[in-house]
Amino acid sequence: MRSTGEVMGIDKHFDTAFAKSQLAANNPLPTAGKVFVSVANRDKRAVIMPVKRLADMGFSVVSTGGTADVLRRNGVACEQVKKIGETPQEKGTILELVEAGEISLIINTPSGGDARSDGYEIRAAATSLGIPVITTVAEFGAAVQAIEALGQFEWSVSSLQEHAARLHEAGLAVAGQK
């Protein structure tokens, strides 16, 4: 979810602050649906537990070959889907699922070559449809925490000015104010 803009989320807890930041970035995290996971070899072990947590929350998992193998070996049920270009006329690929609106969250840490090209096409399609895309393992961990919080806690969003006014009323200093 790298971008050129900046947003922030403020909360007592990191997970809800992260969820708020994603909402502010116009990239709200889903609380149900189908998650696509395709990560570079260096990231495969690191995504196992967060993907398990999503599966435990009721998400179904779709993955490409190598990632699907690692997830299955570690007890995560997943549907295997083909990479772009693995089949003639691009039939049965992840891009087809994304364009059909069947994917609600994408975790993709491309490694290079064809994977980088596939990742670009997947991210472009996802962005045009408003599907959140996560490109780092650290961000994925934060997103999973935030998704859990979305299902457990009620929270609201207020502007930075409203937050500053509450701090001022409580007698707390706000940087830049006298």
N, C-alpha and C. Protein backbone atom coordinates (compact mmCIF):
# COMPACT_ATOMS: atom_id res chain seq x y z
N MET A 1 0.82 -1.17 0.00
CA MET A 1 0.00 0.00 0.00
C MET A 1 0.88 1.25 0.00
N ARG A 2 1.96 1.18 -0.63
CA ARG A 2 2.85 2.34 -0.73
C ARG A 2 2.21 3.38 -1.63
N SER A 3 2.37 4.62 -1.25
CA SER A 3 1.81 5.69 -2.07
C SER A 3 2.63 6.95 -1.86
N THR A 4 2.25 7.99 -2.58
CA THR A 4 2.96 9.25 -2.43
C THR A 4 2.30 10.15 -1.40
N GLY A 5 1.09 9.82 -0.96
CA GLY A 5 0.38 10.61 0.04
C GLY A 5 0.70 10.13 1.43
N GLU A 6 0.27 10.91 2.41
CA GLU A 6 0.49 10.53 3.79
C GLU A 6 -0.83 10.57 4.54
N VAL A 7 -1.02 9.59 5.39
CA VAL A 7 -2.18 9.55 6.27
C VAL A 7 -1.70 9.08 7.63
N MET A 8 -2.57 9.24 8.61
CA MET A 8 -2.24 8.69 9.91
C MET A 8 -3.53 8.30 10.62
N GLY A 9 -3.37 7.38 11.54
CA GLY A 9 -4.49 6.98 12.37
C GLY A 9 -4.06 7.12 13.82
N ILE A 10 -4.94 7.68 14.64
CA ILE A 10 -4.63 7.87 16.05
C ILE A 10 -5.61 7.03 16.86
N ASP A 11 -5.08 6.29 17.80
CA ASP A 11 -5.91 5.50 18.70
C ASP A 11 -5.04 5.07 19.87
N LYS A 12 -5.65 4.58 20.92
CA LYS A 12 -4.90 4.06 22.07
C LYS A 12 -4.18 2.78 21.69
N HIS A 13 -4.67 2.08 20.69
CA HIS A 13 -4.12 0.78 20.31
C HIS A 13 -3.63 0.81 18.86
N PHE A 14 -2.50 0.16 18.64
CA PHE A 14 -1.91 0.16 17.31
C PHE A 14 -2.85 -0.41 16.25
N ASP A 15 -3.51 -1.53 16.56
CA ASP A 15 -4.32 -2.20 15.55
C ASP A 15 -5.43 -1.31 15.01
N THR A 16 -6.15 -0.62 15.89
CA THR A 16 -7.21 0.26 15.41
C THR A 16 -6.65 1.52 14.78
N ALA A 17 -5.50 2.00 15.23
CA ALA A 17 -4.85 3.14 14.59
C ALA A 17 -4.47 2.78 13.15
N PHE A 18 -3.95 1.57 12.95
CA PHE A 18 -3.59 1.15 11.59
C PHE A 18 -4.84 1.03 10.72
N ALA A 19 -5.92 0.46 11.26
CA ALA A 19 -7.18 0.35 10.50
C ALA A 19 -7.67 1.74 10.09
N LYS A 20 -7.57 2.70 11.01
CA LYS A 20 -7.99 4.06 10.70
C LYS A 20 -7.12 4.68 9.61
N SER A 21 -5.83 4.40 9.65
CA SER A 21 -4.93 4.96 8.64
C SER A 21 -5.28 4.42 7.25
N GLN A 22 -5.66 3.16 7.19
CA GLN A 22 -6.02 2.58 5.90
C GLN A 22 -7.34 3.15 5.38
N LEU A 23 -8.26 3.39 6.28
CA LEU A 23 -9.51 4.03 5.91
C LEU A 23 -9.24 5.44 5.39
N ALA A 24 -8.34 6.17 6.07
CA ALA A 24 -7.99 7.53 5.65
C ALA A 24 -7.31 7.53 4.29
N ALA A 25 -6.61 6.46 3.98
CA ALA A 25 -5.92 6.35 2.69
C ALA A 25 -6.86 5.87 1.59
N ASN A 26 -8.16 5.78 1.94
CA ASN A 26 -9.17 5.29 0.99
C ASN A 26 -8.88 3.86 0.57
N ASN A 27 -8.40 3.08 1.53
CA ASN A 27 -8.00 1.70 1.29
C ASN A 27 -8.48 0.83 2.47
N PRO A 28 -9.80 0.85 2.75
CA PRO A 28 -10.28 0.14 3.94
C PRO A 28 -10.01 -1.36 3.88
N LEU A 29 -9.67 -1.93 5.01
CA LEU A 29 -9.38 -3.35 5.10
C LEU A 29 -10.68 -4.15 5.18
N PRO A 30 -10.73 -5.30 4.52
CA PRO A 30 -11.94 -6.12 4.56
C PRO A 30 -12.02 -6.91 5.87
N THR A 31 -13.22 -7.32 6.24
CA THR A 31 -13.40 -8.15 7.42
C THR A 31 -13.85 -9.56 7.04
N ALA A 32 -13.99 -9.80 5.75
CA ALA A 32 -14.38 -11.13 5.26
C ALA A 32 -14.02 -11.21 3.78
N GLY A 33 -14.07 -12.42 3.24
CA GLY A 33 -13.85 -12.59 1.81
C GLY A 33 -12.71 -13.52 1.49
N LYS A 34 -12.14 -13.27 0.33
CA LYS A 34 -11.09 -14.13 -0.20
C LYS A 34 -9.80 -13.32 -0.28
N VAL A 35 -8.74 -13.87 0.28
CA VAL A 35 -7.44 -13.20 0.28
C VAL A 35 -6.50 -13.94 -0.68
N PHE A 36 -5.79 -13.16 -1.50
CA PHE A 36 -4.79 -13.73 -2.41
C PHE A 36 -3.42 -13.51 -1.82
N VAL A 37 -2.63 -14.59 -1.73
CA VAL A 37 -1.29 -14.51 -1.15
C VAL A 37 -0.29 -15.09 -2.14
N SER A 38 0.66 -14.27 -2.55
CA SER A 38 1.76 -14.72 -3.40
C SER A 38 2.99 -13.92 -3.00
N VAL A 39 3.95 -14.59 -2.38
CA VAL A 39 5.10 -13.88 -1.85
C VAL A 39 6.41 -14.48 -2.35
N ALA A 40 7.44 -13.67 -2.30
CA ALA A 40 8.78 -14.09 -2.69
C ALA A 40 9.26 -15.18 -1.74
N ASN A 41 10.18 -16.00 -2.19
CA ASN A 41 10.71 -17.09 -1.37
C ASN A 41 11.18 -16.62 0.00
N ARG A 42 11.82 -15.46 0.05
CA ARG A 42 12.35 -14.94 1.32
C ARG A 42 11.23 -14.64 2.33
N ASP A 43 9.99 -14.50 1.86
CA ASP A 43 8.87 -14.11 2.73
C ASP A 43 7.91 -15.25 3.07
N LYS A 44 8.09 -16.40 2.46
CA LYS A 44 7.12 -17.49 2.61
C LYS A 44 6.91 -17.93 4.06
N ARG A 45 7.98 -18.13 4.80
CA ARG A 45 7.83 -18.58 6.19
C ARG A 45 7.18 -17.51 7.06
N ALA A 46 7.50 -16.26 6.77
CA ALA A 46 6.99 -15.16 7.60
C ALA A 46 5.50 -14.92 7.45
N VAL A 47 4.88 -15.36 6.36
CA VAL A 47 3.45 -15.10 6.17
C VAL A 47 2.56 -16.23 6.67
N ILE A 48 3.15 -17.35 7.05
CA ILE A 48 2.33 -18.51 7.45
C ILE A 48 1.38 -18.16 8.60
N MET A 49 1.88 -17.64 9.68
CA MET A 49 1.03 -17.36 10.86
C MET A 49 -0.02 -16.28 10.56
N PRO A 50 0.33 -15.17 9.92
CA PRO A 50 -0.72 -14.18 9.61
C PRO A 50 -1.80 -14.74 8.68
N VAL A 51 -1.41 -15.57 7.72
CA VAL A 51 -2.41 -16.18 6.83
C VAL A 51 -3.29 -17.13 7.63
N LYS A 52 -2.69 -17.90 8.55
CA LYS A 52 -3.49 -18.78 9.42
C LYS A 52 -4.51 -17.97 10.21
N ARG A 53 -4.09 -16.82 10.71
CA ARG A 53 -5.01 -15.98 11.48
C ARG A 53 -6.18 -15.52 10.63
N LEU A 54 -5.89 -15.14 9.38
CA LEU A 54 -6.98 -14.74 8.47
C LEU A 54 -7.93 -15.90 8.21
N ALA A 55 -7.36 -17.09 7.97
CA ALA A 55 -8.19 -18.27 7.74
C ALA A 55 -9.05 -18.56 8.97
N ASP A 56 -8.49 -18.41 10.15
CA ASP A 56 -9.25 -18.62 11.39
C ASP A 56 -10.39 -17.62 11.53
N MET A 57 -10.22 -16.44 10.93
CA MET A 57 -11.28 -15.42 10.97
C MET A 57 -12.34 -15.66 9.89
N GLY A 58 -12.14 -16.69 9.07
CA GLY A 58 -13.14 -17.02 8.07
C GLY A 58 -12.80 -16.62 6.65
N PHE A 59 -11.64 -16.04 6.43
CA PHE A 59 -11.23 -15.71 5.06
C PHE A 59 -10.89 -17.00 4.33
N SER A 60 -11.19 -17.06 3.05
CA SER A 60 -10.68 -18.16 2.24
C SER A 60 -9.39 -17.67 1.60
N VAL A 61 -8.48 -18.58 1.32
CA VAL A 61 -7.15 -18.22 0.84
C VAL A 61 -6.95 -18.77 -0.57
N VAL A 62 -6.43 -17.92 -1.44
CA VAL A 62 -6.06 -18.28 -2.80
C VAL A 62 -4.59 -17.95 -2.94
N SER A 63 -3.84 -18.84 -3.60
CA SER A 63 -2.41 -18.62 -3.69
C SER A 63 -1.85 -19.22 -4.97
N THR A 64 -0.66 -18.77 -5.35
CA THR A 64 0.04 -19.35 -6.49
C THR A 64 0.90 -20.51 -6.02
N GLY A 65 1.43 -21.28 -6.94
CA GLY A 65 2.14 -22.54 -6.71
C GLY A 65 3.02 -22.66 -5.50
N GLY A 66 4.15 -21.97 -5.48
CA GLY A 66 5.13 -22.12 -4.40
C GLY A 66 4.58 -21.69 -3.05
N THR A 67 3.86 -20.57 -3.03
CA THR A 67 3.29 -20.09 -1.78
C THR A 67 2.21 -21.05 -1.30
N ALA A 68 1.39 -21.55 -2.23
CA ALA A 68 0.33 -22.51 -1.87
C ALA A 68 0.93 -23.76 -1.25
N ASP A 69 2.03 -24.25 -1.81
CA ASP A 69 2.69 -25.45 -1.26
C ASP A 69 3.13 -25.22 0.19
N VAL A 70 3.76 -24.08 0.44
CA VAL A 70 4.24 -23.77 1.79
C VAL A 70 3.06 -23.65 2.76
N LEU A 71 2.01 -22.97 2.34
CA LEU A 71 0.85 -22.80 3.22
C LEU A 71 0.21 -24.15 3.54
N ARG A 72 0.02 -24.98 2.53
CA ARG A 72 -0.60 -26.30 2.75
C ARG A 72 0.25 -27.17 3.68
N ARG A 73 1.58 -27.15 3.47
CA ARG A 73 2.47 -27.94 4.33
C ARG A 73 2.39 -27.51 5.79
N ASN A 74 1.93 -26.28 6.00
CA ASN A 74 1.83 -25.74 7.35
C ASN A 74 0.38 -25.64 7.84
N GLY A 75 -0.49 -26.42 7.22
CA GLY A 75 -1.85 -26.56 7.71
C GLY A 75 -2.85 -25.49 7.30
N VAL A 76 -2.51 -24.70 6.29
CA VAL A 76 -3.44 -23.67 5.82
C VAL A 76 -4.08 -24.15 4.52
N ALA A 77 -5.39 -24.32 4.55
CA ALA A 77 -6.11 -24.72 3.34
C ALA A 77 -6.12 -23.55 2.37
N CYS A 78 -5.81 -23.83 1.12
CA CYS A 78 -5.87 -22.77 0.13
C CYS A 78 -6.15 -23.33 -1.26
N GLU A 79 -6.79 -22.50 -2.04
CA GLU A 79 -7.06 -22.82 -3.44
C GLU A 79 -5.86 -22.34 -4.24
N GLN A 80 -5.36 -23.18 -5.13
CA GLN A 80 -4.23 -22.76 -5.95
C GLN A 80 -4.75 -22.17 -7.25
N VAL A 81 -4.17 -21.05 -7.63
CA VAL A 81 -4.54 -20.36 -8.85
C VAL A 81 -3.28 -20.13 -9.68
N LYS A 82 -3.44 -20.03 -10.97
CA LYS A 82 -2.29 -19.86 -11.85
C LYS A 82 -1.82 -18.41 -11.89
N LYS A 83 -0.52 -18.27 -12.12
CA LYS A 83 0.04 -16.94 -12.33
C LYS A 83 -0.38 -16.46 -13.72
N ILE A 84 -0.24 -15.17 -13.94
CA ILE A 84 -0.54 -14.60 -15.24
C ILE A 84 0.44 -15.20 -16.25
N GLY A 85 -0.05 -15.65 -17.38
CA GLY A 85 0.81 -16.21 -18.42
C GLY A 85 1.06 -17.70 -18.29
N GLU A 86 0.59 -18.35 -17.23
CA GLU A 86 0.79 -19.79 -17.07
C GLU A 86 -0.19 -20.59 -17.93
N THR A 87 -1.24 -19.94 -18.39
CA THR A 87 -2.23 -20.63 -19.22
C THR A 87 -2.47 -19.83 -20.48
N PRO A 88 -2.86 -20.49 -21.57
CA PRO A 88 -3.18 -19.76 -22.80
C PRO A 88 -4.37 -18.82 -22.59
N GLN A 89 -4.35 -17.71 -23.25
CA GLN A 89 -5.41 -16.69 -23.20
C GLN A 89 -5.70 -16.20 -21.77
N GLU A 90 -4.74 -16.35 -20.88
CA GLU A 90 -4.86 -15.83 -19.51
C GLU A 90 -6.09 -16.38 -18.78
N LYS A 91 -6.53 -17.59 -19.09
CA LYS A 91 -7.71 -18.18 -18.43
C LYS A 91 -7.30 -18.86 -17.12
N GLY A 92 -8.12 -18.70 -16.11
CA GLY A 92 -7.88 -19.35 -14.83
C GLY A 92 -6.75 -18.75 -14.02
N THR A 93 -6.45 -17.48 -14.23
CA THR A 93 -5.35 -16.84 -13.51
C THR A 93 -5.87 -15.97 -12.37
N ILE A 94 -4.97 -15.54 -11.54
CA ILE A 94 -5.31 -14.64 -10.45
C ILE A 94 -5.89 -13.34 -11.00
N LEU A 95 -5.39 -12.87 -12.12
CA LEU A 95 -5.89 -11.62 -12.69
C LEU A 95 -7.38 -11.74 -12.99
N GLU A 96 -7.81 -12.89 -13.46
CA GLU A 96 -9.22 -13.12 -13.73
C GLU A 96 -10.06 -12.98 -12.45
N LEU A 97 -9.57 -13.56 -11.35
CA LEU A 97 -10.29 -13.47 -10.07
C LEU A 97 -10.35 -12.03 -9.56
N VAL A 98 -9.25 -11.31 -9.70
CA VAL A 98 -9.21 -9.92 -9.26
C VAL A 98 -10.20 -9.10 -10.06
N GLU A 99 -10.15 -9.23 -11.38
CA GLU A 99 -11.04 -8.45 -12.25
C GLU A 99 -12.50 -8.81 -12.05
N ALA A 100 -12.78 -10.03 -11.62
CA ALA A 100 -14.17 -10.46 -11.36
C ALA A 100 -14.66 -9.99 -9.99
N GLY A 101 -13.79 -9.34 -9.22
CA GLY A 101 -14.18 -8.84 -7.90
C GLY A 101 -14.28 -9.93 -6.85
N GLU A 102 -13.63 -11.07 -7.07
CA GLU A 102 -13.70 -12.18 -6.12
C GLU A 102 -12.66 -12.09 -5.00
N ILE A 103 -11.70 -11.20 -5.14
CA ILE A 103 -10.62 -11.06 -4.15
C ILE A 103 -10.86 -9.80 -3.32
N SER A 104 -10.76 -9.92 -1.99
CA SER A 104 -10.99 -8.75 -1.15
C SER A 104 -9.71 -8.16 -0.55
N LEU A 105 -8.59 -8.91 -0.63
CA LEU A 105 -7.31 -8.43 -0.10
C LEU A 105 -6.19 -9.16 -0.83
N ILE A 106 -5.13 -8.43 -1.17
CA ILE A 106 -3.99 -9.01 -1.89
C ILE A 106 -2.72 -8.80 -1.09
N ILE A 107 -1.96 -9.88 -0.90
CA ILE A 107 -0.63 -9.81 -0.30
C ILE A 107 0.33 -10.31 -1.36
N ASN A 108 1.19 -9.42 -1.86
CA ASN A 108 2.09 -9.77 -2.94
C ASN A 108 3.43 -9.10 -2.73
N THR A 109 4.46 -9.92 -2.50
CA THR A 109 5.82 -9.38 -2.38
C THR A 109 6.62 -9.95 -3.54
N PRO A 110 6.60 -9.28 -4.68
CA PRO A 110 7.26 -9.81 -5.87
C PRO A 110 8.78 -9.89 -5.70
N SER A 111 9.38 -10.81 -6.45
CA SER A 111 10.81 -11.03 -6.32
C SER A 111 11.62 -10.61 -7.53
N GLY A 112 11.01 -10.49 -8.67
CA GLY A 112 11.74 -10.08 -9.87
C GLY A 112 11.26 -10.82 -11.10
N GLY A 113 11.72 -10.38 -12.26
CA GLY A 113 11.37 -11.03 -13.51
C GLY A 113 9.89 -11.07 -13.77
N ASP A 114 9.37 -12.26 -14.11
CA ASP A 114 7.95 -12.43 -14.40
C ASP A 114 7.09 -12.08 -13.19
N ALA A 115 7.58 -12.40 -12.00
CA ALA A 115 6.82 -12.10 -10.79
C ALA A 115 6.59 -10.60 -10.66
N ARG A 116 7.60 -9.80 -11.00
CA ARG A 116 7.45 -8.35 -10.91
C ARG A 116 6.41 -7.86 -11.92
N SER A 117 6.42 -8.41 -13.11
CA SER A 117 5.45 -8.04 -14.14
C SER A 117 4.05 -8.47 -13.72
N ASP A 118 3.90 -9.70 -13.19
CA ASP A 118 2.61 -10.18 -12.70
C ASP A 118 2.11 -9.27 -11.59
N GLY A 119 2.99 -8.94 -10.67
CA GLY A 119 2.62 -8.09 -9.55
C GLY A 119 2.10 -6.75 -10.01
N TYR A 120 2.73 -6.18 -11.01
CA TYR A 120 2.30 -4.89 -11.54
C TYR A 120 0.88 -4.99 -12.09
N GLU A 121 0.61 -6.02 -12.88
CA GLU A 121 -0.73 -6.20 -13.46
C GLU A 121 -1.77 -6.44 -12.38
N ILE A 122 -1.44 -7.25 -11.39
CA ILE A 122 -2.36 -7.53 -10.30
C ILE A 122 -2.64 -6.26 -9.51
N ARG A 123 -1.59 -5.51 -9.16
CA ARG A 123 -1.77 -4.28 -8.38
C ARG A 123 -2.57 -3.24 -9.16
N ALA A 124 -2.32 -3.13 -10.46
CA ALA A 124 -3.06 -2.17 -11.29
C ALA A 124 -4.55 -2.51 -11.31
N ALA A 125 -4.87 -3.79 -11.51
CA ALA A 125 -6.27 -4.21 -11.53
C ALA A 125 -6.91 -3.99 -10.16
N ALA A 126 -6.19 -4.34 -9.09
CA ALA A 126 -6.72 -4.19 -7.73
C ALA A 126 -6.98 -2.72 -7.41
N THR A 127 -6.05 -1.87 -7.76
CA THR A 127 -6.19 -0.44 -7.49
C THR A 127 -7.40 0.13 -8.20
N SER A 128 -7.62 -0.28 -9.44
CA SER A 128 -8.76 0.24 -10.19
C SER A 128 -10.08 -0.22 -9.59
N LEU A 129 -10.07 -1.31 -8.84
CA LEU A 129 -11.30 -1.84 -8.22
C LEU A 129 -11.40 -1.53 -6.73
N GLY A 130 -10.39 -0.86 -6.18
CA GLY A 130 -10.41 -0.50 -4.76
C GLY A 130 -10.11 -1.67 -3.83
N ILE A 131 -9.34 -2.64 -4.30
CA ILE A 131 -8.97 -3.79 -3.49
C ILE A 131 -7.64 -3.48 -2.81
N PRO A 132 -7.56 -3.59 -1.48
CA PRO A 132 -6.30 -3.30 -0.78
C PRO A 132 -5.18 -4.25 -1.21
N VAL A 133 -4.01 -3.68 -1.42
CA VAL A 133 -2.82 -4.45 -1.81
C VAL A 133 -1.73 -4.21 -0.78
N ILE A 134 -1.16 -5.30 -0.27
CA ILE A 134 -0.09 -5.22 0.72
C ILE A 134 1.17 -5.78 0.07
N THR A 135 2.29 -5.04 0.20
CA THR A 135 3.51 -5.43 -0.52
C THR A 135 4.69 -5.76 0.39
N THR A 136 4.50 -5.70 1.71
CA THR A 136 5.58 -6.08 2.62
C THR A 136 5.02 -6.97 3.73
N VAL A 137 5.88 -7.81 4.29
CA VAL A 137 5.48 -8.70 5.37
C VAL A 137 5.11 -7.91 6.62
N ALA A 138 5.86 -6.85 6.92
CA ALA A 138 5.56 -6.03 8.10
C ALA A 138 4.18 -5.40 7.99
N GLU A 139 3.86 -4.86 6.84
CA GLU A 139 2.55 -4.27 6.62
C GLU A 139 1.46 -5.33 6.71
N PHE A 140 1.75 -6.53 6.23
CA PHE A 140 0.77 -7.62 6.30
C PHE A 140 0.44 -7.96 7.76
N GLY A 141 1.46 -8.03 8.61
CA GLY A 141 1.23 -8.31 10.02
C GLY A 141 0.36 -7.24 10.66
N ALA A 142 0.64 -5.98 10.34
CA ALA A 142 -0.15 -4.88 10.88
C ALA A 142 -1.59 -4.95 10.38
N ALA A 143 -1.76 -5.28 9.10
CA ALA A 143 -3.10 -5.37 8.52
C ALA A 143 -3.92 -6.49 9.17
N VAL A 144 -3.30 -7.62 9.44
CA VAL A 144 -4.01 -8.73 10.09
C VAL A 144 -4.45 -8.31 11.50
N GLN A 145 -3.58 -7.63 12.24
CA GLN A 145 -3.96 -7.13 13.56
C GLN A 145 -5.15 -6.18 13.45
N ALA A 146 -5.10 -5.30 12.45
CA ALA A 146 -6.18 -4.33 12.26
C ALA A 146 -7.48 -5.01 11.87
N ILE A 147 -7.41 -6.03 11.03
CA ILE A 147 -8.62 -6.76 10.63
C ILE A 147 -9.25 -7.45 11.84
N GLU A 148 -8.41 -8.02 12.69
CA GLU A 148 -8.92 -8.63 13.93
C GLU A 148 -9.61 -7.57 14.79
N ALA A 149 -9.01 -6.42 14.91
CA ALA A 149 -9.59 -5.34 15.72
C ALA A 149 -10.91 -4.86 15.14
N LEU A 150 -11.00 -4.80 13.83
CA LEU A 150 -12.24 -4.37 13.19
C LEU A 150 -13.40 -5.28 13.56
N GLY A 151 -13.11 -6.56 13.73
CA GLY A 151 -14.15 -7.51 14.09
C GLY A 151 -14.46 -7.55 15.57
N GLN A 152 -13.59 -6.98 16.40
CA GLN A 152 -13.75 -7.08 17.86
C GLN A 152 -14.17 -5.79 18.54
N PHE A 153 -13.78 -4.66 18.00
CA PHE A 153 -13.98 -3.40 18.70
C PHE A 153 -14.79 -2.42 17.87
N GLU A 154 -15.50 -1.55 18.58
CA GLU A 154 -16.15 -0.43 17.91
C GLU A 154 -15.23 0.77 18.04
N TRP A 155 -15.14 1.55 16.99
CA TRP A 155 -14.31 2.73 17.05
C TRP A 155 -14.86 3.76 16.09
N SER A 156 -14.40 4.97 16.24
CA SER A 156 -14.86 6.05 15.36
C SER A 156 -13.65 6.81 14.86
N VAL A 157 -13.90 7.63 13.86
CA VAL A 157 -12.84 8.43 13.26
C VAL A 157 -13.17 9.89 13.49
N SER A 158 -12.16 10.66 13.86
CA SER A 158 -12.33 12.11 14.00
C SER A 158 -11.15 12.79 13.32
N SER A 159 -11.34 14.04 13.02
CA SER A 159 -10.29 14.79 12.33
C SER A 159 -9.15 15.11 13.30
N LEU A 160 -8.02 15.48 12.76
CA LEU A 160 -6.87 15.86 13.58
C LEU A 160 -7.22 17.08 14.43
N GLN A 161 -8.00 18.00 13.87
CA GLN A 161 -8.41 19.19 14.61
C GLN A 161 -9.27 18.80 15.83
N GLU A 162 -10.19 17.84 15.64
CA GLU A 162 -11.02 17.38 16.76
C GLU A 162 -10.15 16.71 17.83
N HIS A 163 -9.18 15.93 17.40
CA HIS A 163 -8.28 15.27 18.33
C HIS A 163 -7.47 16.31 19.13
N ALA A 164 -6.96 17.31 18.43
CA ALA A 164 -6.18 18.37 19.09
C ALA A 164 -7.05 19.13 20.10
N ALA A 165 -8.31 19.38 19.75
CA ALA A 165 -9.21 20.09 20.67
C ALA A 165 -9.44 19.27 21.93
N ARG A 166 -9.60 17.94 21.80
CA ARG A 166 -9.79 17.08 22.98
C ARG A 166 -8.54 17.11 23.86
N LEU A 167 -7.36 17.08 23.24
CA LEU A 167 -6.12 17.16 24.02
C LEU A 167 -6.02 18.49 24.75
N HIS A 168 -6.37 19.56 24.05
CA HIS A 168 -6.32 20.90 24.64
C HIS A 168 -7.28 20.99 25.84
N GLU A 169 -8.50 20.44 25.68
CA GLU A 169 -9.48 20.45 26.77
C GLU A 169 -8.98 19.65 27.97
N ALA A 170 -8.20 18.62 27.70
CA ALA A 170 -7.67 17.80 28.79
C ALA A 170 -6.42 18.42 29.41
N GLY A 171 -6.01 19.59 28.89
CA GLY A 171 -4.85 20.27 29.44
C GLY A 171 -3.53 19.73 28.95
N LEU A 172 -3.54 18.97 27.86
CA LEU A 172 -2.31 18.42 27.31
C LEU A 172 -1.81 19.31 26.19
N ALA A 173 -0.50 19.43 26.09
CA ALA A 173 0.10 20.27 25.05
C ALA A 173 0.05 19.58 23.71
N VAL A 174 -0.14 20.36 22.68
CA VAL A 174 -0.10 19.85 21.31
C VAL A 174 1.02 20.60 20.61
N ALA A 175 1.91 19.89 19.97
CA ALA A 175 3.05 20.52 19.28
C ALA A 175 2.56 21.59 18.34
N GLY A 176 3.23 22.74 18.38
CA GLY A 176 2.87 23.83 17.49
C GLY A 176 1.82 24.77 18.07
N GLN A 177 1.27 24.44 19.24
CA GLN A 177 0.28 25.30 19.88
C GLN A 177 0.83 25.87 21.17
N LYS A 178 0.39 27.05 21.53
CA LYS A 178 0.84 27.69 22.79
C LYS A 178 -0.31 27.73 23.76
